[in-house]
Amino acid sequence: MPKVLPASNAGPGHRARGRRVSTTLAEINVIPLVDVMLVLLIIFMVAAPMLQRGVEVSLPQARQSAPLASEPVFVDVPLSFSKDRRVFLSEKESIRVDALAERMRQRFLSRSDKRVFVRADNRLQVQALMDVLDALKAGGIENAGIVTDFPQER
């Protein structure tokens, strides 16, 4: 709402302007702010599921396989391992295979069950899988299992 201010007392030789009208600048228009916030909320809601995607690993198939134990620790070996020598711990932490032994020692200090499940891509060479298993053994892992996929019906 506009404010009406009284005319200033003009001295001799100055003309009085009369009444002056000014608007208050202290009001904030919230509607554009709410619109922007809603658009940002929608963008984040759409983008959040895309960020939680894991590493793509195409598992080999086995005729007989058993279900996994509760709370397993996974080491994912993607197809890109042959280029960058990186593995993923529980789909989150990317580390080089050279540091895998030390990372396993740190992670399993307080655990008595030292089992790890390796999910390796079926297109990798066997030597790459052996390098990962050797690093796990050097890190004090007693049991390292290889995760396979169920066979598909023909």
N, C-alpha and C. Protein backbone atom coordinates (compact mmCIF):
# COMPACT_ATOMS: atom_id res chain seq x y z
N MET A 1 0.84 -1.17 0.00
CA MET A 1 0.00 0.00 0.00
C MET A 1 0.89 1.23 0.00
N PRO A 2 0.62 2.21 -0.85
CA PRO A 2 1.47 3.39 -0.91
C PRO A 2 1.34 4.25 0.33
N LYS A 3 2.45 4.84 0.71
CA LYS A 3 2.46 5.76 1.84
C LYS A 3 2.41 7.19 1.32
N VAL A 4 1.70 8.04 2.05
CA VAL A 4 1.64 9.45 1.70
C VAL A 4 2.46 10.18 2.75
N LEU A 5 3.51 10.84 2.28
CA LEU A 5 4.39 11.56 3.19
C LEU A 5 4.07 13.05 3.13
N PRO A 6 4.18 13.74 4.27
CA PRO A 6 3.91 15.18 4.26
C PRO A 6 4.99 15.92 3.51
N ALA A 7 4.65 17.08 3.00
CA ALA A 7 5.59 17.91 2.25
C ALA A 7 6.67 18.41 3.18
N SER A 8 7.88 18.50 2.67
CA SER A 8 8.98 18.99 3.50
C SER A 8 8.89 20.50 3.59
N ASN A 9 9.42 21.01 4.68
CA ASN A 9 9.41 22.47 4.85
C ASN A 9 10.53 23.05 3.99
N ALA A 10 10.13 23.65 2.93
CA ALA A 10 11.11 24.22 2.02
C ALA A 10 11.47 25.62 2.50
N GLY A 11 12.72 25.95 2.43
CA GLY A 11 13.19 27.27 2.86
C GLY A 11 12.89 28.30 1.80
N PRO A 12 13.37 29.54 2.02
CA PRO A 12 13.12 30.60 1.04
C PRO A 12 13.82 30.29 -0.27
N GLY A 13 13.15 30.52 -1.34
CA GLY A 13 13.71 30.29 -2.66
C GLY A 13 13.50 28.87 -3.16
N HIS A 14 12.95 28.00 -2.34
CA HIS A 14 12.68 26.62 -2.76
C HIS A 14 11.20 26.44 -2.87
N ARG A 15 10.82 25.76 -3.87
CA ARG A 15 9.39 25.49 -4.02
C ARG A 15 9.03 24.21 -3.29
N ALA A 16 7.92 24.23 -2.70
CA ALA A 16 7.43 23.02 -2.03
C ALA A 16 6.82 22.12 -3.08
N ARG A 17 7.11 20.88 -2.99
CA ARG A 17 6.61 19.94 -3.98
C ARG A 17 5.20 19.48 -3.67
N GLY A 18 4.77 19.64 -2.50
CA GLY A 18 3.45 19.13 -2.13
C GLY A 18 3.57 17.72 -1.58
N ARG A 19 2.52 16.99 -1.72
CA ARG A 19 2.54 15.63 -1.17
C ARG A 19 3.31 14.69 -2.09
N ARG A 20 4.05 13.79 -1.47
CA ARG A 20 4.85 12.83 -2.22
C ARG A 20 4.36 11.42 -1.91
N VAL A 21 4.27 10.57 -2.91
CA VAL A 21 3.79 9.21 -2.73
C VAL A 21 4.96 8.25 -2.98
N SER A 22 5.19 7.32 -2.04
CA SER A 22 6.25 6.32 -2.22
C SER A 22 5.71 4.95 -1.83
N THR A 23 6.30 3.91 -2.36
CA THR A 23 5.87 2.55 -2.02
C THR A 23 6.84 1.95 -1.02
N THR A 24 6.35 1.02 -0.25
CA THR A 24 7.18 0.34 0.72
C THR A 24 7.93 -0.78 0.03
N LEU A 25 9.23 -0.84 0.23
CA LEU A 25 10.04 -1.87 -0.39
C LEU A 25 10.28 -3.06 0.54
N ALA A 26 9.71 -3.06 1.71
CA ALA A 26 9.95 -4.11 2.68
C ALA A 26 9.12 -5.36 2.42
N GLU A 27 8.20 -5.30 1.49
CA GLU A 27 7.37 -6.47 1.22
C GLU A 27 8.06 -7.37 0.21
N ILE A 28 8.03 -8.69 0.45
CA ILE A 28 8.64 -9.66 -0.45
C ILE A 28 7.52 -10.42 -1.15
N ASN A 29 7.64 -10.54 -2.44
CA ASN A 29 6.66 -11.29 -3.19
C ASN A 29 7.04 -12.77 -3.12
N VAL A 30 6.28 -13.57 -2.40
CA VAL A 30 6.64 -14.95 -2.12
C VAL A 30 6.22 -15.92 -3.21
N ILE A 31 5.33 -15.55 -4.05
CA ILE A 31 4.80 -16.48 -5.04
C ILE A 31 5.89 -16.95 -6.02
N PRO A 32 6.75 -16.09 -6.57
CA PRO A 32 7.83 -16.61 -7.42
C PRO A 32 8.80 -17.50 -6.65
N LEU A 33 9.03 -17.18 -5.39
CA LEU A 33 9.92 -17.99 -4.57
C LEU A 33 9.34 -19.40 -4.39
N VAL A 34 8.07 -19.50 -4.13
CA VAL A 34 7.42 -20.79 -3.97
C VAL A 34 7.46 -21.56 -5.29
N ASP A 35 7.24 -20.89 -6.40
CA ASP A 35 7.29 -21.54 -7.71
C ASP A 35 8.67 -22.13 -7.98
N VAL A 36 9.70 -21.38 -7.70
CA VAL A 36 11.06 -21.85 -7.92
C VAL A 36 11.37 -23.04 -7.01
N MET A 37 10.95 -22.97 -5.77
CA MET A 37 11.19 -24.06 -4.83
C MET A 37 10.47 -25.34 -5.26
N LEU A 38 9.28 -25.22 -5.75
CA LEU A 38 8.55 -26.40 -6.22
C LEU A 38 9.21 -27.03 -7.43
N VAL A 39 9.71 -26.21 -8.34
CA VAL A 39 10.42 -26.75 -9.51
C VAL A 39 11.70 -27.46 -9.07
N LEU A 40 12.44 -26.87 -8.14
CA LEU A 40 13.65 -27.51 -7.64
C LEU A 40 13.34 -28.82 -6.93
N LEU A 41 12.26 -28.85 -6.18
CA LEU A 41 11.85 -30.07 -5.49
C LEU A 41 11.55 -31.18 -6.50
N ILE A 42 10.86 -30.85 -7.56
CA ILE A 42 10.53 -31.85 -8.58
C ILE A 42 11.80 -32.34 -9.26
N ILE A 43 12.72 -31.44 -9.56
CA ILE A 43 13.98 -31.85 -10.20
C ILE A 43 14.75 -32.82 -9.31
N PHE A 44 14.85 -32.51 -8.02
CA PHE A 44 15.58 -33.40 -7.12
C PHE A 44 14.87 -34.72 -6.91
N MET A 45 13.54 -34.71 -6.91
CA MET A 45 12.80 -35.96 -6.76
C MET A 45 13.00 -36.88 -7.97
N VAL A 46 13.14 -36.30 -9.14
CA VAL A 46 13.36 -37.10 -10.34
C VAL A 46 14.81 -37.57 -10.41
N ALA A 47 15.75 -36.74 -9.99
CA ALA A 47 17.17 -37.07 -10.11
C ALA A 47 17.68 -38.00 -9.02
N ALA A 48 17.05 -38.03 -7.86
CA ALA A 48 17.55 -38.84 -6.74
C ALA A 48 17.62 -40.34 -7.05
N PRO A 49 16.60 -40.95 -7.64
CA PRO A 49 16.74 -42.38 -7.92
C PRO A 49 17.83 -42.70 -8.94
N MET A 50 18.14 -41.77 -9.81
CA MET A 50 19.19 -42.01 -10.80
C MET A 50 20.58 -42.02 -10.16
N LEU A 51 20.75 -41.30 -9.06
CA LEU A 51 22.05 -41.21 -8.41
C LEU A 51 22.37 -42.44 -7.57
N GLN A 52 21.38 -43.23 -7.21
CA GLN A 52 21.60 -44.37 -6.33
C GLN A 52 21.79 -45.67 -7.10
N ARG A 53 22.08 -45.57 -8.35
CA ARG A 53 22.27 -46.76 -9.16
C ARG A 53 23.66 -47.32 -8.90
N GLY A 54 23.78 -48.63 -8.86
CA GLY A 54 25.04 -49.28 -8.58
C GLY A 54 25.89 -49.49 -9.82
N VAL A 55 26.89 -50.32 -9.69
CA VAL A 55 27.80 -50.63 -10.76
C VAL A 55 27.20 -51.75 -11.60
N GLU A 56 27.28 -51.62 -12.92
CA GLU A 56 26.76 -52.65 -13.81
C GLU A 56 27.74 -53.81 -13.89
N VAL A 57 27.29 -54.99 -13.46
CA VAL A 57 28.09 -56.19 -13.53
C VAL A 57 27.21 -57.28 -14.11
N SER A 58 27.66 -57.89 -15.18
CA SER A 58 26.95 -59.00 -15.79
C SER A 58 27.52 -60.29 -15.20
N LEU A 59 26.76 -60.94 -14.32
CA LEU A 59 27.26 -62.10 -13.58
C LEU A 59 27.27 -63.35 -14.44
N PRO A 60 28.25 -64.24 -14.20
CA PRO A 60 28.21 -65.55 -14.87
C PRO A 60 27.10 -66.41 -14.27
N GLN A 61 26.73 -67.48 -14.95
CA GLN A 61 25.65 -68.34 -14.47
C GLN A 61 26.22 -69.64 -13.91
N ALA A 62 25.55 -70.19 -12.89
CA ALA A 62 25.92 -71.47 -12.30
C ALA A 62 24.68 -72.33 -12.19
N ARG A 63 24.88 -73.64 -12.27
CA ARG A 63 23.73 -74.56 -12.19
C ARG A 63 23.19 -74.64 -10.77
N GLN A 64 24.05 -74.65 -9.80
CA GLN A 64 23.62 -74.73 -8.42
C GLN A 64 24.21 -73.56 -7.66
N SER A 65 23.35 -72.86 -6.96
CA SER A 65 23.82 -71.75 -6.13
C SER A 65 22.92 -71.64 -4.92
N ALA A 66 23.48 -71.12 -3.84
CA ALA A 66 22.74 -70.99 -2.59
C ALA A 66 22.50 -69.51 -2.31
N PRO A 67 21.45 -69.18 -1.56
CA PRO A 67 21.23 -67.78 -1.21
C PRO A 67 22.35 -67.26 -0.32
N LEU A 68 22.56 -65.95 -0.37
CA LEU A 68 23.64 -65.33 0.39
C LEU A 68 23.27 -65.17 1.86
N ALA A 69 24.29 -65.07 2.70
CA ALA A 69 24.09 -64.87 4.14
C ALA A 69 23.61 -63.45 4.40
N SER A 70 23.23 -63.18 5.62
CA SER A 70 22.76 -61.83 5.96
C SER A 70 23.95 -60.88 6.08
N GLU A 71 23.72 -59.64 5.71
CA GLU A 71 24.71 -58.56 5.74
C GLU A 71 26.05 -58.94 5.10
N PRO A 72 26.03 -59.34 3.84
CA PRO A 72 27.29 -59.69 3.20
C PRO A 72 28.07 -58.46 2.77
N VAL A 73 29.37 -58.62 2.61
CA VAL A 73 30.23 -57.58 2.07
C VAL A 73 30.54 -57.97 0.63
N PHE A 74 30.24 -57.07 -0.30
CA PHE A 74 30.44 -57.34 -1.71
C PHE A 74 31.62 -56.54 -2.24
N VAL A 75 32.38 -57.16 -3.12
CA VAL A 75 33.41 -56.48 -3.89
C VAL A 75 33.01 -56.64 -5.35
N ASP A 76 32.67 -55.54 -6.00
CA ASP A 76 32.24 -55.58 -7.40
C ASP A 76 33.44 -55.30 -8.30
N VAL A 77 33.60 -56.18 -9.30
CA VAL A 77 34.69 -56.04 -10.26
C VAL A 77 34.03 -55.81 -11.62
N PRO A 78 33.92 -54.55 -12.05
CA PRO A 78 33.26 -54.26 -13.33
C PRO A 78 34.17 -54.58 -14.52
N LEU A 79 33.62 -54.50 -15.70
CA LEU A 79 34.38 -54.76 -16.91
C LEU A 79 35.50 -53.74 -17.11
N SER A 80 35.33 -52.54 -16.58
CA SER A 80 36.35 -51.49 -16.70
C SER A 80 37.58 -51.77 -15.83
N PHE A 81 37.57 -52.87 -15.07
CA PHE A 81 38.71 -53.20 -14.21
C PHE A 81 39.98 -53.39 -15.02
N SER A 82 39.86 -53.94 -16.21
CA SER A 82 41.05 -54.18 -17.03
C SER A 82 41.74 -52.88 -17.45
N LYS A 83 41.02 -51.76 -17.44
CA LYS A 83 41.62 -50.48 -17.82
C LYS A 83 42.13 -49.70 -16.61
N ASP A 84 41.28 -49.55 -15.57
CA ASP A 84 41.64 -48.66 -14.47
C ASP A 84 41.99 -49.37 -13.16
N ARG A 85 41.86 -50.71 -13.12
CA ARG A 85 42.23 -51.51 -11.94
C ARG A 85 41.49 -51.04 -10.68
N ARG A 86 40.22 -50.67 -10.81
CA ARG A 86 39.41 -50.23 -9.67
C ARG A 86 38.29 -51.22 -9.41
N VAL A 87 38.04 -51.45 -8.11
CA VAL A 87 36.91 -52.28 -7.67
C VAL A 87 36.01 -51.42 -6.80
N PHE A 88 34.80 -51.89 -6.55
CA PHE A 88 33.84 -51.15 -5.74
C PHE A 88 33.48 -51.98 -4.52
N LEU A 89 33.59 -51.38 -3.33
CA LEU A 89 33.19 -52.04 -2.09
C LEU A 89 31.74 -51.70 -1.81
N SER A 90 30.90 -52.70 -1.75
CA SER A 90 29.47 -52.56 -1.47
C SER A 90 28.82 -51.49 -2.34
N GLU A 91 29.20 -51.41 -3.60
CA GLU A 91 28.64 -50.52 -4.63
C GLU A 91 28.84 -49.04 -4.36
N LYS A 92 29.60 -48.66 -3.35
CA LYS A 92 29.73 -47.25 -3.01
C LYS A 92 31.15 -46.74 -3.17
N GLU A 93 32.08 -47.43 -2.58
CA GLU A 93 33.45 -46.92 -2.48
C GLU A 93 34.31 -47.50 -3.60
N SER A 94 34.86 -46.66 -4.42
CA SER A 94 35.72 -47.08 -5.52
C SER A 94 37.17 -46.99 -5.06
N ILE A 95 37.88 -48.13 -5.11
CA ILE A 95 39.29 -48.12 -4.70
C ILE A 95 40.11 -48.92 -5.71
N ARG A 96 41.39 -48.64 -5.74
CA ARG A 96 42.30 -49.40 -6.61
C ARG A 96 42.59 -50.74 -5.97
N VAL A 97 42.89 -51.72 -6.79
CA VAL A 97 43.14 -53.07 -6.29
C VAL A 97 44.40 -53.10 -5.42
N ASP A 98 45.33 -52.16 -5.64
CA ASP A 98 46.54 -52.10 -4.82
C ASP A 98 46.22 -51.77 -3.36
N ALA A 99 45.19 -50.98 -3.13
CA ALA A 99 44.82 -50.58 -1.77
C ALA A 99 43.73 -51.48 -1.17
N LEU A 100 43.31 -52.50 -1.90
CA LEU A 100 42.22 -53.35 -1.42
C LEU A 100 42.60 -54.16 -0.18
N ALA A 101 43.82 -54.67 -0.11
CA ALA A 101 44.24 -55.46 1.04
C ALA A 101 44.19 -54.64 2.32
N GLU A 102 44.74 -53.44 2.28
CA GLU A 102 44.73 -52.59 3.48
C GLU A 102 43.32 -52.17 3.87
N ARG A 103 42.49 -51.88 2.90
CA ARG A 103 41.09 -51.49 3.18
C ARG A 103 40.32 -52.65 3.81
N MET A 104 40.60 -53.87 3.38
CA MET A 104 39.94 -55.05 3.98
C MET A 104 40.41 -55.26 5.42
N ARG A 105 41.70 -55.05 5.65
CA ARG A 105 42.20 -55.18 7.03
C ARG A 105 41.49 -54.19 7.96
N GLN A 106 41.34 -52.95 7.51
CA GLN A 106 40.68 -51.93 8.33
C GLN A 106 39.21 -52.27 8.55
N ARG A 107 38.55 -52.74 7.52
CA ARG A 107 37.11 -52.99 7.61
C ARG A 107 36.78 -54.21 8.48
N PHE A 108 37.65 -55.21 8.50
CA PHE A 108 37.35 -56.45 9.21
C PHE A 108 38.12 -56.60 10.52
N LEU A 109 38.61 -55.50 11.09
CA LEU A 109 39.32 -55.58 12.36
C LEU A 109 38.44 -56.13 13.47
N SER A 110 37.22 -55.64 13.55
CA SER A 110 36.35 -56.01 14.67
C SER A 110 35.38 -57.14 14.33
N ARG A 111 35.40 -57.64 13.11
CA ARG A 111 34.47 -58.70 12.73
C ARG A 111 35.14 -60.06 12.83
N SER A 112 34.38 -61.03 13.32
CA SER A 112 34.91 -62.39 13.39
C SER A 112 34.65 -63.15 12.10
N ASP A 113 33.54 -62.86 11.44
CA ASP A 113 33.19 -63.50 10.19
C ASP A 113 33.85 -62.74 9.04
N LYS A 114 34.90 -63.31 8.49
CA LYS A 114 35.66 -62.63 7.44
C LYS A 114 35.34 -63.25 6.09
N ARG A 115 34.08 -63.03 5.66
CA ARG A 115 33.64 -63.52 4.36
C ARG A 115 33.34 -62.35 3.46
N VAL A 116 33.75 -62.48 2.21
CA VAL A 116 33.51 -61.46 1.20
C VAL A 116 32.98 -62.17 -0.04
N PHE A 117 32.03 -61.51 -0.71
CA PHE A 117 31.48 -62.04 -1.94
C PHE A 117 31.92 -61.15 -3.10
N VAL A 118 32.49 -61.77 -4.11
CA VAL A 118 33.02 -61.06 -5.26
C VAL A 118 32.02 -61.20 -6.41
N ARG A 119 31.58 -60.06 -6.92
CA ARG A 119 30.71 -60.04 -8.10
C ARG A 119 31.53 -59.52 -9.26
N ALA A 120 32.02 -60.43 -10.08
CA ALA A 120 32.86 -60.07 -11.22
C ALA A 120 32.07 -60.18 -12.51
N ASP A 121 32.36 -59.30 -13.43
CA ASP A 121 31.71 -59.34 -14.73
C ASP A 121 32.15 -60.60 -15.47
N ASN A 122 31.21 -61.24 -16.19
CA ASN A 122 31.54 -62.51 -16.84
C ASN A 122 32.43 -62.33 -18.08
N ARG A 123 32.66 -61.11 -18.52
CA ARG A 123 33.51 -60.87 -19.67
C ARG A 123 34.96 -60.58 -19.28
N LEU A 124 35.25 -60.56 -17.98
CA LEU A 124 36.62 -60.32 -17.52
C LEU A 124 37.47 -61.58 -17.69
N GLN A 125 38.76 -61.36 -17.83
CA GLN A 125 39.68 -62.50 -17.88
C GLN A 125 39.84 -63.07 -16.48
N VAL A 126 40.20 -64.32 -16.41
CA VAL A 126 40.35 -64.99 -15.12
C VAL A 126 41.49 -64.36 -14.33
N GLN A 127 42.52 -63.87 -15.00
CA GLN A 127 43.64 -63.26 -14.30
C GLN A 127 43.21 -62.03 -13.51
N ALA A 128 42.28 -61.26 -14.04
CA ALA A 128 41.79 -60.08 -13.32
C ALA A 128 41.08 -60.50 -12.04
N LEU A 129 40.29 -61.55 -12.12
CA LEU A 129 39.61 -62.07 -10.93
C LEU A 129 40.61 -62.61 -9.92
N MET A 130 41.66 -63.26 -10.41
CA MET A 130 42.68 -63.79 -9.50
C MET A 130 43.44 -62.67 -8.80
N ASP A 131 43.66 -61.55 -9.49
CA ASP A 131 44.32 -60.40 -8.85
C ASP A 131 43.49 -59.86 -7.69
N VAL A 132 42.18 -59.79 -7.87
CA VAL A 132 41.30 -59.32 -6.81
C VAL A 132 41.27 -60.32 -5.66
N LEU A 133 41.18 -61.61 -5.96
CA LEU A 133 41.16 -62.62 -4.90
C LEU A 133 42.49 -62.65 -4.14
N ASP A 134 43.61 -62.44 -4.82
CA ASP A 134 44.91 -62.37 -4.13
C ASP A 134 44.97 -61.17 -3.19
N ALA A 135 44.44 -60.03 -3.63
CA ALA A 135 44.43 -58.84 -2.77
C ALA A 135 43.54 -59.07 -1.55
N LEU A 136 42.42 -59.76 -1.72
CA LEU A 136 41.55 -60.07 -0.58
C LEU A 136 42.25 -61.00 0.39
N LYS A 137 42.95 -62.00 -0.12
CA LYS A 137 43.67 -62.94 0.74
C LYS A 137 44.78 -62.23 1.50
N ALA A 138 45.46 -61.28 0.84
CA ALA A 138 46.50 -60.50 1.51
C ALA A 138 45.91 -59.60 2.59
N GLY A 139 44.64 -59.24 2.45
CA GLY A 139 43.98 -58.41 3.45
C GLY A 139 43.40 -59.19 4.61
N GLY A 140 43.62 -60.50 4.65
CA GLY A 140 43.17 -61.31 5.78
C GLY A 140 41.78 -61.91 5.60
N ILE A 141 41.25 -61.90 4.42
CA ILE A 141 39.94 -62.48 4.16
C ILE A 141 40.09 -63.99 4.07
N GLU A 142 39.35 -64.71 4.91
CA GLU A 142 39.47 -66.16 4.96
C GLU A 142 38.62 -66.83 3.88
N ASN A 143 37.42 -66.33 3.65
CA ASN A 143 36.52 -66.92 2.68
C ASN A 143 36.08 -65.86 1.67
N ALA A 144 36.40 -66.11 0.41
CA ALA A 144 35.96 -65.21 -0.66
C ALA A 144 35.14 -66.04 -1.63
N GLY A 145 33.87 -65.71 -1.73
CA GLY A 145 32.99 -66.43 -2.64
C GLY A 145 32.73 -65.63 -3.89
N ILE A 146 32.44 -66.36 -4.97
CA ILE A 146 32.15 -65.71 -6.23
C ILE A 146 30.66 -65.80 -6.46
N VAL A 147 30.02 -64.65 -6.64
CA VAL A 147 28.57 -64.59 -6.83
C VAL A 147 28.25 -64.88 -8.29
N THR A 148 27.28 -65.76 -8.49
CA THR A 148 26.86 -66.08 -9.86
C THR A 148 25.37 -65.78 -10.01
N ASP A 149 24.92 -65.81 -11.22
CA ASP A 149 23.52 -65.58 -11.53
C ASP A 149 22.83 -66.93 -11.69
N PHE A 150 21.52 -66.99 -11.46
CA PHE A 150 20.77 -68.21 -11.67
C PHE A 150 20.68 -68.50 -13.16
N PRO A 151 20.72 -69.77 -13.54
CA PRO A 151 20.60 -70.08 -14.99
C PRO A 151 19.21 -69.73 -15.49
N GLN A 152 19.16 -69.32 -16.72
CA GLN A 152 17.88 -68.97 -17.30
C GLN A 152 17.27 -70.19 -17.96
N GLU A 153 15.95 -70.29 -17.89
CA GLU A 153 15.23 -71.42 -18.46
C GLU A 153 15.35 -71.40 -19.98
N ARG A 154 15.53 -72.56 -20.55
CA ARG A 154 15.60 -72.65 -22.02
C ARG A 154 14.44 -73.40 -22.55
